[in-house]
Amino acid sequence: MSWDVSEETMMFKVQAEEVNQARDILHQVHEALKEKGYNPINQLVGYLLSGDPAYITSHGNARSLIRRLERDEILEELVKSYLEKK
């Protein structure tokens, strides 16, 4: 088996507006999960790994909100936030 791997680095870019939207939605979903007694971190990780929206409560419209975002947008916001708090 032969892999044709390019030596060029691909660029990935998300618009600032999408990042702000991701941040706001994550905060709302986090709050809804807490209100329902779930561990928000565990539920969000489950969602991000599986893509299954059943990890997110429908309380507070959280499931609909999280589905507005692509998982890569959420991951970008999480990585950015983590690295900026250094």
Protein backbone atom coordinates (compact mmCIF):
# COMPACT_ATOMS: atom_id res chain seq x y z
CA MET A 1 0.00 0.00 0.00
CA SER A 2 1.39 3.35 -1.01
CA TRP A 3 0.37 6.67 0.50
CA ASP A 4 0.73 9.77 -1.63
CA VAL A 5 1.37 12.39 1.04
CA SER A 6 1.82 15.95 -0.10
CA GLU A 7 4.64 17.94 1.45
CA GLU A 8 2.53 21.08 1.46
CA THR A 9 0.68 22.16 4.58
CA MET A 10 -3.00 22.74 4.06
CA MET A 11 -4.48 25.97 5.38
CA PHE A 12 -7.63 25.88 7.48
CA LYS A 13 -9.41 29.12 8.23
CA VAL A 14 -12.69 29.93 9.95
CA GLN A 15 -14.20 33.40 9.78
CA ALA A 16 -14.17 35.46 13.01
CA GLU A 17 -17.97 35.66 12.98
CA GLU A 18 -18.20 31.85 13.01
CA VAL A 19 -15.77 31.65 15.93
CA ASN A 20 -17.82 34.14 17.95
CA GLN A 21 -20.98 32.21 17.15
CA ALA A 22 -19.29 28.97 18.24
CA ARG A 23 -18.25 30.53 21.54
CA ASP A 24 -21.76 31.80 22.26
CA ILE A 25 -23.37 28.49 21.37
CA LEU A 26 -20.89 26.53 23.49
CA HIS A 27 -21.70 28.72 26.50
CA GLN A 28 -25.44 28.23 26.00
CA VAL A 29 -25.10 24.48 25.55
CA HIS A 30 -22.81 24.23 28.59
CA GLU A 31 -25.37 26.07 30.72
CA ALA A 32 -28.26 23.89 29.47
CA LEU A 33 -26.31 20.71 30.25
CA LYS A 34 -25.50 21.98 33.76
CA GLU A 35 -29.13 22.92 34.38
CA LYS A 36 -30.21 19.37 33.51
CA GLY A 37 -27.59 17.85 35.84
CA TYR A 38 -25.20 16.53 33.19
CA ASN A 39 -21.43 16.88 33.23
CA PRO A 40 -21.08 19.37 30.35
CA ILE A 41 -17.48 18.47 29.55
CA ASN A 42 -18.21 14.76 29.25
CA GLN A 43 -21.30 15.36 27.14
CA LEU A 44 -19.53 17.76 24.78
CA VAL A 45 -16.59 15.38 24.38
CA GLY A 46 -19.00 12.56 23.59
CA TYR A 47 -20.67 14.72 20.98
CA LEU A 48 -17.40 15.87 19.43
CA LEU A 49 -16.01 12.34 19.21
CA SER A 50 -19.13 10.67 17.90
CA GLY A 51 -21.09 13.40 16.14
CA ASP A 52 -24.20 12.03 17.85
CA PRO A 53 -26.43 14.93 18.98
CA ALA A 54 -28.04 12.64 21.58
CA TYR A 55 -25.16 13.63 23.88
CA ILE A 56 -26.64 17.14 24.02
CA THR A 57 -29.87 17.86 25.88
CA SER A 58 -32.77 19.44 24.05
CA HIS A 59 -33.31 21.64 27.14
CA GLY A 60 -32.95 25.30 26.27
CA ASN A 61 -32.81 24.41 22.58
CA ALA A 62 -29.20 23.25 23.15
CA ARG A 63 -29.34 20.35 20.70
CA SER A 64 -30.62 22.56 17.90
CA LEU A 65 -28.00 25.19 18.71
CA ILE A 66 -25.06 22.79 18.66
CA ARG A 67 -26.20 21.37 15.33
CA ARG A 68 -25.86 24.83 13.76
CA LEU A 69 -22.09 24.40 14.01
CA GLU A 70 -19.72 22.05 12.31
CA ARG A 71 -17.64 20.07 14.77
CA ASP A 72 -14.45 21.59 13.34
CA GLU A 73 -15.76 25.06 14.27
CA ILE A 74 -16.29 23.90 17.85
CA LEU A 75 -12.84 22.32 18.01
CA GLU A 76 -11.23 25.47 16.67
CA GLU A 77 -12.92 27.58 19.34
CA LEU A 78 -11.89 25.15 22.08
CA VAL A 79 -8.25 25.01 20.96
CA LYS A 80 -8.08 28.78 20.56
CA SER A 81 -9.57 29.38 23.99
CA TYR A 82 -7.28 26.84 25.63
CA LEU A 83 -4.10 28.23 24.07
CA GLU A 84 -4.98 31.87 24.73
CA LYS A 85 -5.43 31.22 28.46
CA LYS A 86 -1.79 30.22 28.78
